[in-house]
Amino acid sequence: MAGVVQDRPTAAEAPPTVREHSTGELVKQASEQITLLVRQEMRLAQAEMAAKGKRFGLGGGMLGGAGVVALFALVPLVGAGTAALALVLPVWAAALVMFGALMLLAACMALIGVAQVKLATPSTPPDFIESVKADMEQIRERAHR
């Protein structure tokens, strides 16, 4: 059978073999991927909290500035109210009535402010929590396969 050409592919023509990974390599890859995923989720949470903190700081600063301006604007109004009450009451009594009215207003504003702060909590980022839940569910599904 000399002169018969065989149909075997040469080494250069052979298809690449699929390399099977050992269990240790697969565990190592999974560990690296989970670590990367956790780091990315932490970066997401950090970015969300930074954005929330900037908004909170800007809002708080604007509210504080508005309070100072309103305080300066109320001084002449309080003086005018005291002067008007002084027409029917002694000056000391008119000043005491104005003090009581302003303290009542301050107490109401404080209660409203506390309620608004409670509405702003919890401060956990919702996108981060949902993303972590989805990631954990995917990990569980893949582990069961």
Protein backbone atom coordinates (compact mmCIF):
# COMPACT_ATOMS: atom_id res chain seq x y z
CA MET A 1 0.00 0.00 0.00
CA ALA A 2 2.76 2.26 -0.78
CA GLY A 3 1.75 5.46 -2.45
CA VAL A 4 -1.67 5.72 -0.68
CA VAL A 5 -2.22 9.17 0.79
CA GLN A 6 -3.84 9.26 4.19
CA ASP A 7 -6.54 11.82 5.00
CA ARG A 8 -5.21 12.76 8.43
CA PRO A 9 -4.83 16.47 9.16
CA THR A 10 -1.37 17.72 9.94
CA ALA A 11 -0.52 19.36 13.26
CA ALA A 12 -1.06 22.82 11.74
CA GLU A 13 -4.52 21.84 10.46
CA ALA A 14 -5.76 20.10 13.61
CA PRO A 15 -8.68 21.81 15.40
CA PRO A 16 -7.83 23.36 18.77
CA THR A 17 -8.60 21.13 21.72
CA VAL A 18 -10.96 22.33 24.40
CA ARG A 19 -9.11 22.63 27.67
CA GLU A 20 -11.12 21.49 30.64
CA HIS A 21 -10.63 23.43 33.84
CA SER A 22 -10.04 21.68 37.12
CA THR A 23 -12.35 22.25 40.06
CA GLY A 24 -9.68 24.29 41.81
CA GLU A 25 -9.33 26.61 38.82
CA LEU A 26 -13.10 27.04 38.60
CA VAL A 27 -13.33 27.85 42.32
CA LYS A 28 -10.50 30.35 41.95
CA GLN A 29 -12.23 32.02 38.99
CA ALA A 30 -15.54 32.16 40.86
CA SER A 31 -13.80 33.68 43.87
CA GLU A 32 -12.13 36.34 41.71
CA GLN A 33 -15.40 37.14 39.96
CA ILE A 34 -17.29 37.44 43.24
CA THR A 35 -14.58 39.70 44.64
CA LEU A 36 -14.79 41.89 41.54
CA LEU A 37 -18.58 41.97 41.78
CA VAL A 38 -18.50 42.99 45.45
CA ARG A 39 -16.01 45.77 44.69
CA GLN A 40 -18.19 47.07 41.87
CA GLU A 41 -21.27 46.99 44.10
CA MET A 42 -19.39 48.90 46.80
CA ARG A 43 -18.37 51.54 44.24
CA LEU A 44 -22.00 51.83 43.20
CA ALA A 45 -23.12 52.28 46.81
CA GLN A 46 -20.38 54.85 47.38
CA ALA A 47 -21.43 56.82 44.31
CA GLU A 48 -25.09 56.75 45.36
CA MET A 49 -24.26 57.88 48.89
CA ALA A 50 -22.00 60.67 47.59
CA ALA A 51 -24.79 61.96 45.34
CA LYS A 52 -27.29 61.77 48.20
CA GLY A 53 -24.84 63.52 50.53
CA LYS A 54 -24.27 66.35 48.04
CA ARG A 55 -28.02 66.88 47.70
CA PHE A 56 -28.48 66.76 51.46
CA GLY A 57 -25.64 69.23 52.04
CA LEU A 58 -26.85 71.64 49.38
CA GLY A 59 -30.43 71.47 50.67
CA GLY A 60 -29.33 71.95 54.27
CA GLY A 61 -27.13 74.91 53.35
CA MET A 62 -29.91 76.57 51.40
CA LEU A 63 -32.36 76.02 54.26
CA GLY A 64 -29.88 77.46 56.73
CA GLY A 65 -29.28 80.51 54.54
CA ALA A 66 -33.01 81.02 54.10
CA GLY A 67 -33.43 80.87 57.86
CA VAL A 68 -30.81 83.56 58.43
CA VAL A 69 -32.37 85.87 55.84
CA ALA A 70 -35.83 85.24 57.28
CA LEU A 71 -34.52 86.03 60.75
CA PHE A 72 -33.18 89.38 59.56
CA ALA A 73 -36.50 90.10 57.84
CA LEU A 74 -38.51 89.20 60.95
CA VAL A 75 -36.69 91.60 63.26
CA PRO A 76 -38.49 94.71 61.95
CA LEU A 77 -41.77 92.79 61.81
CA VAL A 78 -41.44 91.73 65.43
CA GLY A 79 -40.64 95.34 66.36
CA ALA A 80 -43.71 96.56 64.52
CA GLY A 81 -45.88 93.91 66.19
CA THR A 82 -44.54 94.81 69.61
CA ALA A 83 -45.14 98.50 68.94
CA ALA A 84 -48.72 97.76 67.85
CA LEU A 85 -49.39 95.72 71.00
CA ALA A 86 -47.83 98.50 73.08
CA LEU A 87 -50.76 100.70 72.05
CA VAL A 88 -53.12 98.52 74.12
CA LEU A 89 -50.73 96.86 76.60
CA PRO A 90 -47.70 98.01 78.54
CA VAL A 91 -44.48 97.65 76.50
CA TRP A 92 -43.16 94.81 78.67
CA ALA A 93 -46.41 92.83 78.21
CA ALA A 94 -46.39 93.42 74.43
CA ALA A 95 -42.79 92.14 74.22
CA LEU A 96 -43.72 89.08 76.31
CA VAL A 97 -46.68 88.27 74.01
CA MET A 98 -44.45 88.55 70.93
CA PHE A 99 -41.86 86.29 72.59
CA GLY A 100 -44.49 83.62 73.28
CA ALA A 101 -45.83 83.77 69.71
CA LEU A 102 -42.35 83.41 68.23
CA MET A 103 -41.49 80.48 70.51
CA LEU A 104 -44.71 78.73 69.46
CA LEU A 105 -43.79 79.26 65.80
CA ALA A 106 -40.27 77.91 66.43
CA ALA A 107 -41.67 74.79 68.13
CA CYS A 108 -43.99 74.09 65.17
CA MET A 109 -41.14 74.53 62.70
CA ALA A 110 -38.93 72.19 64.75
CA LEU A 111 -41.61 69.48 64.74
CA ILE A 112 -42.04 69.78 60.97
CA GLY A 113 -38.25 69.66 60.51
CA VAL A 114 -37.94 66.50 62.61
CA ALA A 115 -40.71 64.85 60.57
CA GLN A 116 -38.91 65.74 57.32
CA VAL A 117 -35.61 64.30 58.56
CA LYS A 118 -37.38 61.07 59.53
CA LEU A 119 -38.82 60.86 55.99
CA ALA A 120 -35.27 61.05 54.59
CA THR A 121 -34.27 57.86 56.40
CA PRO A 122 -33.19 55.15 55.93
CA SER A 123 -30.16 56.46 54.16
CA THR A 124 -29.30 53.16 52.49
CA PRO A 125 -29.08 53.38 48.71
CA PRO A 126 -32.01 51.44 47.18
CA ASP A 127 -30.26 50.74 43.85
CA PHE A 128 -27.35 49.13 45.69
CA ILE A 129 -29.62 46.89 47.74
CA GLU A 130 -31.63 45.76 44.71
CA SER A 131 -28.46 45.11 42.72
CA VAL A 132 -26.91 43.02 45.50
CA LYS A 133 -30.13 41.00 45.85
CA ALA A 134 -30.19 40.34 42.11
CA ASP A 135 -26.51 39.33 42.13
CA MET A 136 -27.01 36.96 45.04
CA GLU A 137 -30.00 35.37 43.31
CA GLN A 138 -27.94 34.79 40.16
CA ILE A 139 -25.12 33.28 42.19
CA ARG A 140 -27.60 30.91 43.89
CA GLU A 141 -29.12 29.90 40.53
CA ARG A 142 -25.72 29.18 39.00
CA ALA A 143 -24.60 27.26 42.07
CA HIS A 144 -27.64 24.98 41.79
CA ARG A 145 -26.85 24.21 38.13
